[in-house]
Amino acid sequence: MEAKDGSIGFDFEGTFTKVVPYDLIEFALADERLVAVEFAEGDETVTVRESFDAESINSGEQQRQGWQAILDRFAHHVESKNLS
């Protein structure tokens, strides 16, 4: 993954371990850490919750901010589409 401006980037590799359409995506990263992405449908919304095993190099807060930035870009992409 890399920032659009090329200022920062890193390798991101994993294997999907479970996919439940419209509900859950689970995957194992190359270093065997686990990630789960849950989708909870509301009246006219979908809440996305991501859980992950932290790594030991960066602080928990840095990791949280990184995953949040990915979710924010995903939200921006989805909200920019005309889904009606």
Foldseek 3Di string as FASTA:
>chain_A
DADPVRPDDDDWAWAWDDDDPQAKTWIATPVRKIKIWGWDDDPDDIDIDMDIDDDDPDDPVVVVVVVVVVVVVVVVVVVVDDPD
